[in-house]
Amino acid sequence: MKKITAYLFLVIILSGCNKQNQELGRDITIPVTVAPIKPATIEKFIDISGAVKPVKEVQLKAEITGNYVLKTNPATGKPFALGDKVTAGSEIIELEDKEFENNIKLNSLKLNLEITKQVFDKQQSLYDKGGVTLSELKNAEINYINANYNYEDALIRLQKMHVKAPFTGVIIDIPYYTPGVKVDANAMLAKIMDYSKLHMEVNLPEKNMTDTKPGQSVRITNYTLPNDTLAGTVSQLSPAIDAETRSYKGLILVNNPNLQLRPGMYVKGEIVVARASNSIVVPKDVIVSKQRGNSVFVVEKGVAYERVVEFGLENPKEVQIVSGLSMNEQLVVKGFETLRDRSKVKEMK
């Protein structure tokens, strides 16, 4: 009988303690920071990285043997040098060779062209009046055409003495030659690059194949551009999957109008594959994962309520909530770690 009485006494004491603890727990207020849920835009994107290369690049070589003459850059008043900007058609180097020039005989070819043109015009006039046969007219025409070809060919050969920029760009290499020294044919004279547009080859995971399409926008960043982002576009996508890497190739075109990025730089990018506006968007780090699903906490009149939510679009930092939350609710963004449903809270600023 004494043992039973002692046992009942112990149960009453423990029960009272538990009740006291529960009452105490109800009275504890947990400090939290909240933020109102407002309409926001979220983007789903694919992270990429790689080295950028110029869209246009050319190596200019000597087509003939000649004496080297480096021309003056009109913009600087000095001989062309590394880093100089050139416009399409600008003459950078001249190769002088009088013997080569004389052998072309440009003046005599020009005179012959004028003579054959006059003969052809005269024969045409006579043929219209019945003064010559069709065969004589055609022979005069052939002579004129051949003379024209010879003259144009001479102009093309003379142009080989003048090394010009084929497009607007920047000189990235220009080997030094002693002025007036004879340079052999096929010698490298200059390299020109236009990197106002760049391209980047990337390998994308197979799982992203249905999400990516040509024309999608891409944000490009580099450590040298901490506060700036360049615009890019998905230019091309391969339809084939590499059996070994389980990836497919893509080509990104990057606009670089101010030449901020340099060819060869390693950059990061985000291919924007989906976007949703006027949505409920919350930071991923406020999501609590449990067995029954993902949840967040909202505060109403000093009490925290747990809400099970469903996701829409996601990116590494944010997630779209398509079910479980409403606009203008007060979302707990700090202090949620120790919360339980219906915990009392104190809002901190």
C-alpha atoms as a PDB file:
ATOM      1  CA  MET A   1       0.000   0.000   0.000  1.00  0.00           C
ATOM      2  CA  LYS A   2       2.883   2.364   0.807  1.00  0.00           C
ATOM      3  CA  LYS A   3       4.465   1.624  -2.593  1.00  0.00           C
ATOM      4  CA  ILE A   4       1.237   2.461  -4.457  1.00  0.00           C
ATOM      5  CA  THR A   5       0.860   5.711  -2.557  1.00  0.00           C
ATOM      6  CA  ALA A   6       4.468   6.708  -3.358  1.00  0.00           C
ATOM      7  CA  TYR A   7       3.984   5.893  -7.040  1.00  0.00           C
ATOM      8  CA  LEU A   8       0.821   7.990  -7.317  1.00  0.00           C
ATOM      9  CA  PHE A   9       2.581  10.862  -5.550  1.00  0.00           C
ATOM     10  CA  LEU A  10       5.450  10.718  -8.080  1.00  0.00           C
ATOM     11  CA  VAL A  11       3.042  10.687 -11.064  1.00  0.00           C
ATOM     12  CA  ILE A  12       1.243  13.755  -9.685  1.00  0.00           C
ATOM     13  CA  ILE A  13       4.528  15.630  -9.233  1.00  0.00           C
ATOM     14  CA  LEU A  14       5.783  14.782 -12.761  1.00  0.00           C
ATOM     15  CA  SER A  15       2.435  15.655 -14.294  1.00  0.00           C
ATOM     16  CA  GLY A  16       2.499  18.990 -12.575  1.00  0.00           C
ATOM     17  CA  CYS A  17       6.018  19.709 -13.781  1.00  0.00           C
ATOM     18  CA  ASN A  18       5.121  18.864 -17.370  1.00  0.00           C
ATOM     19  CA  LYS A  19       2.086  21.098 -17.196  1.00  0.00           C
ATOM     20  CA  GLN A  20       4.224  23.845 -15.724  1.00  0.00           C
ATOM     21  CA  ASN A  21       6.782  23.466 -18.516  1.00  0.00           C
ATOM     22  CA  GLN A  22       4.050  23.594 -21.154  1.00  0.00           C
ATOM     23  CA  GLU A  23       2.611  26.722 -19.608  1.00  0.00           C
ATOM     24  CA  LEU A  24       6.099  28.221 -19.473  1.00  0.00           C
ATOM     25  CA  GLY A  25       6.697  27.273 -23.141  1.00  0.00           C
ATOM     26  CA  ARG A  26       3.514  29.051 -24.123  1.00  0.00           C
ATOM     27  CA  ASP A  27       4.667  32.204 -22.441  1.00  0.00           C
ATOM     28  CA  ILE A  28       8.085  32.298 -24.217  1.00  0.00           C
ATOM     29  CA  THR A  29       8.178  34.703 -27.184  1.00  0.00           C
ATOM     30  CA  ILE A  30      10.715  34.073 -29.924  1.00  0.00           C
ATOM     31  CA  PRO A  31      12.302  37.101 -31.640  1.00  0.00           C
ATOM     32  CA  VAL A  32      11.839  37.021 -35.427  1.00  0.00           C
ATOM     33  CA  THR A  33      12.243  39.310 -38.424  1.00  0.00           C
ATOM     34  CA  VAL A  34       9.422  39.470 -40.940  1.00  0.00           C
ATOM     35  CA  ALA A  35       8.963  40.878 -44.438  1.00  0.00           C
ATOM     36  CA  PRO A  36       5.692  41.488 -46.274  1.00  0.00           C
ATOM     37  CA  ILE A  37       5.011  39.296 -49.303  1.00  0.00           C
ATOM     38  CA  LYS A  38       4.812  41.532 -52.383  1.00  0.00           C
ATOM     39  CA  PRO A  39       4.446  40.713 -56.111  1.00  0.00           C
ATOM     40  CA  ALA A  40       7.836  39.882 -57.592  1.00  0.00           C
ATOM     41  CA  THR A  41       9.480  38.470 -60.702  1.00  0.00           C
ATOM     42  CA  ILE A  42      11.470  35.265 -60.695  1.00  0.00           C
ATOM     43  CA  GLU A  43      13.624  33.725 -63.387  1.00  0.00           C
ATOM     44  CA  LYS A  44      14.717  30.154 -63.860  1.00  0.00           C
ATOM     45  CA  PHE A  45      18.187  30.039 -65.357  1.00  0.00           C
ATOM     46  CA  ILE A  46      21.002  27.654 -66.207  1.00  0.00           C
ATOM     47  CA  ASP A  47      24.506  28.511 -65.017  1.00  0.00           C
ATOM     48  CA  ILE A  48      27.236  28.370 -67.658  1.00  0.00           C
ATOM     49  CA  SER A  49      30.903  29.308 -67.831  1.00  0.00           C
ATOM     50  CA  GLY A  50      33.689  29.369 -70.376  1.00  0.00           C
ATOM     51  CA  ALA A  51      36.217  31.451 -72.293  1.00  0.00           C
ATOM     52  CA  VAL A  52      34.997  34.029 -74.803  1.00  0.00           C
ATOM     53  CA  LYS A  53      36.430  34.286 -78.309  1.00  0.00           C
ATOM     54  CA  PRO A  54      36.121  37.007 -80.962  1.00  0.00           C
ATOM     55  CA  VAL A  55      33.555  36.672 -83.714  1.00  0.00           C
ATOM     56  CA  LYS A  56      36.020  38.158 -86.233  1.00  0.00           C
ATOM     57  CA  GLU A  57      39.767  37.549 -86.357  1.00  0.00           C
ATOM     58  CA  VAL A  58      42.214  37.622 -89.251  1.00  0.00           C
ATOM     59  CA  GLN A  59      45.923  37.119 -89.816  1.00  0.00           C
ATOM     60  CA  LEU A  60      47.307  39.341 -92.587  1.00  0.00           C
ATOM     61  CA  LYS A  61      50.192  37.857 -94.571  1.00  0.00           C
ATOM     62  CA  ALA A  62      52.375  39.225 -97.349  1.00  0.00           C
ATOM     63  CA  GLU A  63      51.123  38.038-100.740  1.00  0.00           C
ATOM     64  CA  ILE A  64      54.253  39.257-102.550  1.00  0.00           C
ATOM     65  CA  THR A  65      57.900  39.978-101.732  1.00  0.00           C
ATOM     66  CA  GLY A  66      58.538  43.664-101.109  1.00  0.00           C
ATOM     67  CA  ASN A  67      60.226  46.317 -99.009  1.00  0.00           C
ATOM     68  CA  TYR A  68      58.417  46.853 -95.702  1.00  0.00           C
ATOM     69  CA  VAL A  69      56.779  50.244 -95.057  1.00  0.00           C
ATOM     70  CA  LEU A  70      54.619  50.664 -91.930  1.00  0.00           C
ATOM     71  CA  LYS A  71      51.960  53.312 -92.577  1.00  0.00           C
ATOM     72  CA  THR A  72      50.944  56.136 -90.227  1.00  0.00           C
ATOM     73  CA  ASN A  73      47.745  55.871 -88.207  1.00  0.00           C
ATOM     74  CA  PRO A  74      45.695  59.015 -89.013  1.00  0.00           C
ATOM     75  CA  ALA A  75      44.104  58.882 -85.559  1.00  0.00           C
ATOM     76  CA  THR A  76      47.409  59.055 -83.655  1.00  0.00           C
ATOM     77  CA  GLY A  77      49.814  60.584 -86.183  1.00  0.00           C
ATOM     78  CA  LYS A  78      52.213  57.733 -85.401  1.00  0.00           C
ATOM     79  CA  PRO A  79      52.985  54.411 -87.115  1.00  0.00           C
ATOM     80  CA  PHE A  80      50.359  51.753 -86.507  1.00  0.00           C
ATOM     81  CA  ALA A  81      50.971  49.861 -83.253  1.00  0.00           C
ATOM     82  CA  LEU A  82      49.514  47.215 -80.986  1.00  0.00           C
ATOM     83  CA  GLY A  83      46.076  48.132 -79.668  1.00  0.00           C
ATOM     84  CA  ASP A  84      45.326  50.656 -82.437  1.00  0.00           C
ATOM     85  CA  LYS A  85      41.805  50.673 -83.781  1.00  0.00           C
ATOM     86  CA  VAL A  86      41.515  50.329 -87.554  1.00  0.00           C
ATOM     87  CA  THR A  87      38.556  50.779 -89.867  1.00  0.00           C
ATOM     88  CA  ALA A  88      37.689  48.518 -92.775  1.00  0.00           C
ATOM     89  CA  GLY A  89      39.896  49.395 -95.770  1.00  0.00           C
ATOM     90  CA  SER A  90      42.583  51.186 -93.747  1.00  0.00           C
ATOM     91  CA  GLU A  91      46.050  50.628 -95.244  1.00  0.00           C
ATOM     92  CA  ILE A  92      48.370  49.402 -92.505  1.00  0.00           C
ATOM     93  CA  ILE A  93      51.459  48.270 -94.416  1.00  0.00           C
ATOM     94  CA  GLU A  94      52.822  48.831 -97.904  1.00  0.00           C
ATOM     95  CA  LEU A  95      55.221  46.480 -99.698  1.00  0.00           C
ATOM     96  CA  GLU A  96      57.272  48.439-102.243  1.00  0.00           C
ATOM     97  CA  ASP A  97      58.613  46.640-105.312  1.00  0.00           C
ATOM     98  CA  LYS A  98      59.200  48.729-108.432  1.00  0.00           C
ATOM     99  CA  GLU A  99      60.039  45.713-110.564  1.00  0.00           C
ATOM    100  CA  PHE A 100      56.784  44.016-109.623  1.00  0.00           C
ATOM    101  CA  GLU A 101      54.874  47.254-110.293  1.00  0.00           C
ATOM    102  CA  ASN A 102      56.523  47.812-113.704  1.00  0.00           C
ATOM    103  CA  ASN A 103      55.878  44.239-114.821  1.00  0.00           C
ATOM    104  CA  ILE A 104      52.168  44.759-114.339  1.00  0.00           C
ATOM    105  CA  LYS A 105      52.226  47.542-116.962  1.00  0.00           C
ATOM    106  CA  LEU A 106      49.093  49.184-115.625  1.00  0.00           C
ATOM    107  CA  ASN A 107      49.235  52.293-117.846  1.00  0.00           C
ATOM    108  CA  SER A 108      49.553  50.328-121.068  1.00  0.00           C
ATOM    109  CA  LEU A 109      46.704  48.005-120.012  1.00  0.00           C
ATOM    110  CA  LYS A 110      44.550  51.037-119.245  1.00  0.00           C
ATOM    111  CA  LEU A 111      45.347  52.573-122.634  1.00  0.00           C
ATOM    112  CA  ASN A 112      44.575  49.267-124.381  1.00  0.00           C
ATOM    113  CA  LEU A 113      41.238  49.142-122.578  1.00  0.00           C
ATOM    114  CA  GLU A 114      40.352  52.626-123.819  1.00  0.00           C
ATOM    115  CA  ILE A 115      41.310  51.750-127.398  1.00  0.00           C
ATOM    116  CA  THR A 116      39.368  48.470-127.471  1.00  0.00           C
ATOM    117  CA  LYS A 117      36.345  50.280-126.004  1.00  0.00           C
ATOM    118  CA  GLN A 118      36.481  52.882-128.754  1.00  0.00           C
ATOM    119  CA  VAL A 119      36.827  50.159-131.430  1.00  0.00           C
ATOM    120  CA  PHE A 120      33.905  48.220-129.975  1.00  0.00           C
ATOM    121  CA  ASP A 121      31.703  51.337-129.846  1.00  0.00           C
ATOM    122  CA  LYS A 122      32.612  52.153-133.466  1.00  0.00           C
ATOM    123  CA  GLN A 123      31.887  48.587-134.639  1.00  0.00           C
ATOM    124  CA  GLN A 124      28.560  48.675-132.794  1.00  0.00           C
ATOM    125  CA  SER A 125      27.620  51.875-134.607  1.00  0.00           C
ATOM    126  CA  LEU A 126      28.677  50.462-137.978  1.00  0.00           C
ATOM    127  CA  TYR A 127      26.827  47.214-137.352  1.00  0.00           C
ATOM    128  CA  ASP A 128      23.631  49.132-136.629  1.00  0.00           C
ATOM    129  CA  LYS A 129      24.032  50.798-140.055  1.00  0.00           C
ATOM    130  CA  GLY A 130      24.948  47.545-141.785  1.00  0.00           C
ATOM    131  CA  GLY A 131      28.606  48.524-142.269  1.00  0.00           C
ATOM    132  CA  VAL A 132      30.193  45.454-140.550  1.00  0.00           C
ATOM    133  CA  THR A 133      29.242  41.854-139.984  1.00  0.00           C
ATOM    134  CA  LEU A 134      28.073  40.365-136.692  1.00  0.00           C
ATOM    135  CA  SER A 135      31.345  38.401-136.522  1.00  0.00           C
ATOM    136  CA  GLU A 136      33.404  41.596-136.737  1.00  0.00           C
ATOM    137  CA  LEU A 137      31.277  43.171-134.018  1.00  0.00           C
ATOM    138  CA  LYS A 138      31.684  40.140-131.732  1.00  0.00           C
ATOM    139  CA  ASN A 139      35.470  40.086-132.258  1.00  0.00           C
ATOM    140  CA  ALA A 140      35.653  43.742-131.231  1.00  0.00           C
ATOM    141  CA  GLU A 141      33.534  42.953-128.182  1.00  0.00           C
ATOM    142  CA  ILE A 142      35.802  40.026-127.210  1.00  0.00           C
ATOM    143  CA  ASN A 143      38.878  42.260-127.480  1.00  0.00           C
ATOM    144  CA  TYR A 144      37.233  44.855-125.259  1.00  0.00           C
ATOM    145  CA  ILE A 145      36.146  42.274-122.661  1.00  0.00           C
ATOM    146  CA  ASN A 146      39.628  40.721-122.536  1.00  0.00           C
ATOM    147  CA  ALA A 147      41.233  44.149-122.181  1.00  0.00           C
ATOM    148  CA  ASN A 148      38.893  44.917-119.295  1.00  0.00           C
ATOM    149  CA  TYR A 149      39.766  41.611-117.588  1.00  0.00           C
ATOM    150  CA  ASN A 150      43.488  42.303-117.995  1.00  0.00           C
ATOM    151  CA  TYR A 151      43.160  45.781-116.530  1.00  0.00           C
ATOM    152  CA  GLU A 152      41.094  44.583-113.531  1.00  0.00           C
ATOM    153  CA  ASP A 153      43.558  41.736-112.944  1.00  0.00           C
ATOM    154  CA  ALA A 154      46.411  44.267-112.882  1.00  0.00           C
ATOM    155  CA  LEU A 155      44.562  46.355-110.285  1.00  0.00           C
ATOM    156  CA  ILE A 156      44.077  43.254-108.138  1.00  0.00           C
ATOM    157  CA  ARG A 157      47.771  42.377-108.371  1.00  0.00           C
ATOM    158  CA  LEU A 158      48.762  45.921-107.433  1.00  0.00           C
ATOM    159  CA  GLN A 159      46.510  45.764-104.373  1.00  0.00           C
ATOM    160  CA  LYS A 160      48.778  43.006-103.041  1.00  0.00           C
ATOM    161  CA  MET A 161      51.322  45.748-102.368  1.00  0.00           C
ATOM    162  CA  HIS A 162      48.908  47.391 -99.939  1.00  0.00           C
ATOM    163  CA  VAL A 163      47.995  45.476 -96.777  1.00  0.00           C
ATOM    164  CA  LYS A 164      44.592  46.696 -95.577  1.00  0.00           C
ATOM    165  CA  ALA A 165      42.223  45.885 -92.744  1.00  0.00           C
ATOM    166  CA  PRO A 166      39.355  43.728 -94.082  1.00  0.00           C
ATOM    167  CA  PHE A 167      37.040  44.879 -91.270  1.00  0.00           C
ATOM    168  CA  THR A 168      36.912  47.373 -88.419  1.00  0.00           C
ATOM    169  CA  GLY A 169      38.792  46.072 -85.405  1.00  0.00           C
ATOM    170  CA  VAL A 170      41.879  46.289 -83.219  1.00  0.00           C
ATOM    171  CA  ILE A 171      45.488  45.347 -84.013  1.00  0.00           C
ATOM    172  CA  ILE A 172      46.435  42.566 -81.593  1.00  0.00           C
ATOM    173  CA  ASP A 173      49.775  41.584 -83.149  1.00  0.00           C
ATOM    174  CA  ILE A 174      52.180  43.401 -85.458  1.00  0.00           C
ATOM    175  CA  PRO A 175      55.694  41.894 -85.721  1.00  0.00           C
ATOM    176  CA  TYR A 176      58.546  44.372 -85.961  1.00  0.00           C
ATOM    177  CA  TYR A 177      60.413  44.671 -89.274  1.00  0.00           C
ATOM    178  CA  THR A 178      63.186  47.136 -90.008  1.00  0.00           C
ATOM    179  CA  PRO A 179      61.746  49.849 -92.277  1.00  0.00           C
ATOM    180  CA  GLY A 180      62.665  49.214 -95.910  1.00  0.00           C
ATOM    181  CA  VAL A 181      63.813  45.620 -95.316  1.00  0.00           C
ATOM    182  CA  LYS A 182      62.657  43.062 -97.880  1.00  0.00           C
ATOM    183  CA  VAL A 183      59.846  40.882 -96.561  1.00  0.00           C
ATOM    184  CA  ASP A 184      59.208  37.495 -98.161  1.00  0.00           C
ATOM    185  CA  ALA A 185      55.835  36.401 -99.457  1.00  0.00           C
ATOM    186  CA  ASN A 186      53.656  34.637 -96.851  1.00  0.00           C
ATOM    187  CA  ALA A 187      55.346  36.466 -93.955  1.00  0.00           C
ATOM    188  CA  MET A 188      52.937  37.339 -91.128  1.00  0.00           C
ATOM    189  CA  LEU A 189      52.436  41.112 -91.017  1.00  0.00           C
ATOM    190  CA  ALA A 190      49.573  41.764 -88.592  1.00  0.00           C
ATOM    191  CA  LYS A 191      46.633  40.270 -86.730  1.00  0.00           C
ATOM    192  CA  ILE A 192      43.346  42.132 -86.435  1.00  0.00           C
ATOM    193  CA  MET A 193      40.447  41.254 -84.191  1.00  0.00           C
ATOM    194  CA  ASP A 194      36.929  42.575 -83.808  1.00  0.00           C
ATOM    195  CA  TYR A 195      35.692  41.695 -80.321  1.00  0.00           C
ATOM    196  CA  SER A 196      32.709  44.031 -80.156  1.00  0.00           C
ATOM    197  CA  LYS A 197      30.875  40.707 -80.390  1.00  0.00           C
ATOM    198  CA  LEU A 198      32.193  37.559 -78.749  1.00  0.00           C
ATOM    199  CA  HIS A 199      31.116  33.958 -78.773  1.00  0.00           C
ATOM    200  CA  MET A 200      31.425  31.236 -76.170  1.00  0.00           C
ATOM    201  CA  GLU A 201      31.075  27.481 -76.616  1.00  0.00           C
ATOM    202  CA  VAL A 202      29.439  25.688 -73.686  1.00  0.00           C
ATOM    203  CA  ASN A 203      28.472  22.113 -72.849  1.00  0.00           C
ATOM    204  CA  LEU A 204      25.013  21.895 -71.307  1.00  0.00           C
ATOM    205  CA  PRO A 205      23.697  18.950 -69.241  1.00  0.00           C
ATOM    206  CA  GLU A 206      21.295  16.608 -71.014  1.00  0.00           C
ATOM    207  CA  LYS A 207      18.550  17.381 -68.468  1.00  0.00           C
ATOM    208  CA  ASN A 208      18.357  20.987 -69.752  1.00  0.00           C
ATOM    209  CA  MET A 209      17.752  20.085 -73.395  1.00  0.00           C
ATOM    210  CA  THR A 210      14.000  20.714 -73.325  1.00  0.00           C
ATOM    211  CA  ASP A 211      14.457  24.057 -71.527  1.00  0.00           C
ATOM    212  CA  THR A 212      16.946  25.721 -73.878  1.00  0.00           C
ATOM    213  CA  LYS A 213      16.087  27.336 -77.211  1.00  0.00           C
ATOM    214  CA  PRO A 214      17.974  29.598 -79.649  1.00  0.00           C
ATOM    215  CA  GLY A 215      17.208  33.247 -78.965  1.00  0.00           C
ATOM    216  CA  GLN A 216      17.015  32.976 -75.168  1.00  0.00           C
ATOM    217  CA  SER A 217      18.699  35.821 -73.301  1.00  0.00           C
ATOM    218  CA  VAL A 218      21.915  35.273 -71.355  1.00  0.00           C
ATOM    219  CA  ARG A 219      23.466  37.427 -68.612  1.00  0.00           C
ATOM    220  CA  ILE A 220      27.266  37.527 -68.757  1.00  0.00           C
ATOM    221  CA  THR A 221      29.511  38.538 -65.852  1.00  0.00           C
ATOM    222  CA  ASN A 222      33.235  38.572 -65.156  1.00  0.00           C
ATOM    223  CA  TYR A 223      35.304  39.367 -62.064  1.00  0.00           C
ATOM    224  CA  THR A 224      36.618  42.476 -63.859  1.00  0.00           C
ATOM    225  CA  LEU A 225      33.013  43.728 -64.194  1.00  0.00           C
ATOM    226  CA  PRO A 226      31.751  43.486 -60.594  1.00  0.00           C
ATOM    227  CA  ASN A 227      28.974  46.027 -61.109  1.00  0.00           C
ATOM    228  CA  ASP A 228      28.148  45.397 -64.743  1.00  0.00           C
ATOM    229  CA  THR A 229      26.389  42.679 -66.697  1.00  0.00           C
ATOM    230  CA  LEU A 230      26.615  42.180 -70.453  1.00  0.00           C
ATOM    231  CA  ALA A 231      23.806  40.881 -72.625  1.00  0.00           C
ATOM    232  CA  GLY A 232      24.119  37.683 -74.575  1.00  0.00           C
ATOM    233  CA  THR A 233      21.940  35.372 -76.647  1.00  0.00           C
ATOM    234  CA  VAL A 234      21.764  31.642 -77.234  1.00  0.00           C
ATOM    235  CA  SER A 235      22.873  31.554 -80.854  1.00  0.00           C
ATOM    236  CA  GLN A 236      23.029  27.841 -81.689  1.00  0.00           C
ATOM    237  CA  LEU A 237      22.262  24.527 -79.996  1.00  0.00           C
ATOM    238  CA  SER A 238      23.328  21.069 -81.058  1.00  0.00           C
ATOM    239  CA  PRO A 239      20.514  18.489 -81.248  1.00  0.00           C
ATOM    240  CA  ALA A 240      22.930  15.650 -80.394  1.00  0.00           C
ATOM    241  CA  ILE A 241      23.926  14.340 -76.954  1.00  0.00           C
ATOM    242  CA  ASP A 242      27.539  13.339 -76.349  1.00  0.00           C
ATOM    243  CA  ALA A 243      27.381   9.697 -75.247  1.00  0.00           C
ATOM    244  CA  GLU A 244      30.355  10.043 -72.882  1.00  0.00           C
ATOM    245  CA  THR A 245      29.623  13.366 -71.158  1.00  0.00           C
ATOM    246  CA  ARG A 246      25.804  13.263 -71.468  1.00  0.00           C
ATOM    247  CA  SER A 247      25.879  16.884 -72.584  1.00  0.00           C
ATOM    248  CA  TYR A 248      25.129  18.872 -75.714  1.00  0.00           C
ATOM    249  CA  LYS A 249      26.940  21.827 -77.247  1.00  0.00           C
ATOM    250  CA  GLY A 250      25.661  25.396 -77.309  1.00  0.00           C
ATOM    251  CA  LEU A 251      26.995  28.633 -78.765  1.00  0.00           C
ATOM    252  CA  ILE A 252      26.447  31.904 -76.882  1.00  0.00           C
ATOM    253  CA  LEU A 253      26.775  35.269 -78.646  1.00  0.00           C
ATOM    254  CA  VAL A 254      27.862  38.121 -76.341  1.00  0.00           C
ATOM    255  CA  ASN A 255      27.459  41.837 -77.082  1.00  0.00           C
ATOM    256  CA  ASN A 256      30.602  43.726 -76.046  1.00  0.00           C
ATOM    257  CA  PRO A 257      30.141  47.220 -77.550  1.00  0.00           C
ATOM    258  CA  ASN A 258      32.499  48.992 -75.147  1.00  0.00           C
ATOM    259  CA  LEU A 259      35.135  46.252 -75.412  1.00  0.00           C
ATOM    260  CA  GLN A 260      34.916  45.606 -71.657  1.00  0.00           C
ATOM    261  CA  LEU A 261      35.507  41.897 -72.089  1.00  0.00           C
ATOM    262  CA  ARG A 262      38.746  40.785 -73.695  1.00  0.00           C
ATOM    263  CA  PRO A 263      39.111  37.708 -75.883  1.00  0.00           C
ATOM    264  CA  GLY A 264      40.222  34.730 -73.837  1.00  0.00           C
ATOM    265  CA  MET A 265      38.616  35.939 -70.596  1.00  0.00           C
ATOM    266  CA  TYR A 266      36.796  33.340 -68.501  1.00  0.00           C
ATOM    267  CA  VAL A 267      33.219  34.427 -67.845  1.00  0.00           C
ATOM    268  CA  LYS A 268      30.104  33.200 -66.092  1.00  0.00           C
ATOM    269  CA  GLY A 269      26.636  33.326 -67.545  1.00  0.00           C
ATOM    270  CA  GLU A 270      22.983  32.611 -66.831  1.00  0.00           C
ATOM    271  CA  ILE A 271      20.696  31.366 -69.603  1.00  0.00           C
ATOM    272  CA  VAL A 272      17.198  32.602 -68.731  1.00  0.00           C
ATOM    273  CA  VAL A 273      14.886  29.709 -69.654  1.00  0.00           C
ATOM    274  CA  ALA A 274      11.683  30.847 -67.881  1.00  0.00           C
ATOM    275  CA  ARG A 275      10.283  33.936 -66.174  1.00  0.00           C
ATOM    276  CA  ALA A 276       7.201  34.611 -64.039  1.00  0.00           C
ATOM    277  CA  SER A 277       5.945  38.062 -63.045  1.00  0.00           C
ATOM    278  CA  ASN A 278       3.575  39.181 -60.263  1.00  0.00           C
ATOM    279  CA  SER A 279       4.362  36.051 -58.287  1.00  0.00           C
ATOM    280  CA  ILE A 280       4.992  35.153 -54.667  1.00  0.00           C
ATOM    281  CA  VAL A 281       8.750  34.715 -54.452  1.00  0.00           C
ATOM    282  CA  VAL A 282      10.629  33.774 -51.278  1.00  0.00           C
ATOM    283  CA  PRO A 283      14.304  33.176 -50.494  1.00  0.00           C
ATOM    284  CA  LYS A 284      15.274  29.520 -50.473  1.00  0.00           C
ATOM    285  CA  ASP A 285      16.989  29.875 -47.118  1.00  0.00           C
ATOM    286  CA  VAL A 286      13.669  30.477 -45.309  1.00  0.00           C
ATOM    287  CA  ILE A 287      12.238  27.142 -46.488  1.00  0.00           C
ATOM    288  CA  VAL A 288      12.048  24.416 -43.843  1.00  0.00           C
ATOM    289  CA  SER A 289      12.074  20.890 -45.287  1.00  0.00           C
ATOM    290  CA  LYS A 290      10.112  18.251 -43.379  1.00  0.00           C
ATOM    291  CA  GLN A 291       8.679  14.812 -44.074  1.00  0.00           C
ATOM    292  CA  ARG A 292       5.297  16.205 -44.952  1.00  0.00           C
ATOM    293  CA  GLY A 293       6.797  18.747 -47.346  1.00  0.00           C
ATOM    294  CA  ASN A 294       8.340  22.191 -47.524  1.00  0.00           C
ATOM    295  CA  SER A 295       7.055  24.880 -45.207  1.00  0.00           C
ATOM    296  CA  VAL A 296       7.526  28.497 -44.123  1.00  0.00           C
ATOM    297  CA  PHE A 297       6.231  30.587 -41.235  1.00  0.00           C
ATOM    298  CA  VAL A 298       4.017  33.644 -41.329  1.00  0.00           C
ATOM    299  CA  VAL A 299       3.157  35.933 -38.430  1.00  0.00           C
ATOM    300  CA  GLU A 300      -0.312  37.141 -37.523  1.00  0.00           C
ATOM    301  CA  LYS A 301      -1.059  39.061 -34.309  1.00  0.00           C
ATOM    302  CA  GLY A 302       2.094  37.905 -32.577  1.00  0.00           C
ATOM    303  CA  VAL A 303       1.671  34.220 -33.452  1.00  0.00           C
ATOM    304  CA  ALA A 304       3.699  32.251 -36.004  1.00  0.00           C
ATOM    305  CA  TYR A 305       1.750  29.889 -38.256  1.00  0.00           C
ATOM    306  CA  GLU A 306       3.385  27.147 -40.249  1.00  0.00           C
ATOM    307  CA  ARG A 307       2.383  26.949 -43.934  1.00  0.00           C
ATOM    308  CA  VAL A 308       3.094  23.980 -46.212  1.00  0.00           C
ATOM    309  CA  VAL A 309       3.951  25.386 -49.643  1.00  0.00           C
ATOM    310  CA  GLU A 310       4.299  24.143 -53.226  1.00  0.00           C
ATOM    311  CA  PHE A 311       7.046  25.313 -55.572  1.00  0.00           C
ATOM    312  CA  GLY A 312       6.899  26.730 -59.090  1.00  0.00           C
ATOM    313  CA  LEU A 313      10.003  28.144 -60.767  1.00  0.00           C
ATOM    314  CA  GLU A 314      13.281  27.876 -58.899  1.00  0.00           C
ATOM    315  CA  ASN A 315      16.788  29.269 -59.121  1.00  0.00           C
ATOM    316  CA  PRO A 316      19.741  28.878 -56.739  1.00  0.00           C
ATOM    317  CA  LYS A 317      18.540  31.707 -54.463  1.00  0.00           C
ATOM    318  CA  GLU A 318      14.758  31.988 -54.800  1.00  0.00           C
ATOM    319  CA  VAL A 319      11.645  29.927 -55.358  1.00  0.00           C
ATOM    320  CA  GLN A 320       8.177  30.746 -56.648  1.00  0.00           C
ATOM    321  CA  ILE A 321       5.363  29.720 -54.294  1.00  0.00           C
ATOM    322  CA  VAL A 322       2.260  28.585 -56.179  1.00  0.00           C
ATOM    323  CA  SER A 323       0.299  27.323 -53.172  1.00  0.00           C
ATOM    324  CA  GLY A 324       0.299  27.942 -49.423  1.00  0.00           C
ATOM    325  CA  LEU A 325       0.920  31.695 -49.189  1.00  0.00           C
ATOM    326  CA  SER A 326      -0.961  34.875 -50.016  1.00  0.00           C
ATOM    327  CA  MET A 327       0.106  38.375 -50.916  1.00  0.00           C
ATOM    328  CA  ASN A 328       0.774  40.845 -48.064  1.00  0.00           C
ATOM    329  CA  GLU A 329       1.252  38.132 -45.437  1.00  0.00           C
ATOM    330  CA  GLN A 330       4.170  38.669 -43.060  1.00  0.00           C
ATOM    331  CA  LEU A 331       6.830  36.090 -43.889  1.00  0.00           C
ATOM    332  CA  VAL A 332       9.383  35.133 -41.228  1.00  0.00           C
ATOM    333  CA  VAL A 333      12.835  35.645 -42.777  1.00  0.00           C
ATOM    334  CA  LYS A 334      14.957  35.406 -39.608  1.00  0.00           C
ATOM    335  CA  GLY A 335      14.498  33.403 -36.410  1.00  0.00           C
ATOM    336  CA  PHE A 336      12.350  30.658 -37.967  1.00  0.00           C
ATOM    337  CA  GLU A 337      14.743  27.851 -37.016  1.00  0.00           C
ATOM    338  CA  THR A 338      13.245  27.268 -33.555  1.00  0.00           C
ATOM    339  CA  LEU A 339       9.632  28.019 -34.424  1.00  0.00           C
ATOM    340  CA  ARG A 340       6.732  25.606 -34.104  1.00  0.00           C
ATOM    341  CA  ASP A 341       3.221  26.069 -35.380  1.00  0.00           C
ATOM    342  CA  ARG A 342       1.440  28.709 -33.242  1.00  0.00           C
ATOM    343  CA  SER A 343       4.616  29.795 -31.446  1.00  0.00           C
ATOM    344  CA  LYS A 344       4.433  33.227 -29.865  1.00  0.00           C
ATOM    345  CA  VAL A 345       6.825  35.640 -31.506  1.00  0.00           C
ATOM    346  CA  LYS A 346       8.123  39.157 -31.133  1.00  0.00           C
ATOM    347  CA  GLU A 347       8.829  41.055 -34.338  1.00  0.00           C
ATOM    348  CA  MET A 348      12.274  42.606 -34.468  1.00  0.00           C
ATOM    349  CA  LYS A 349      13.366  45.354 -36.832  1.00  0.00           C
END
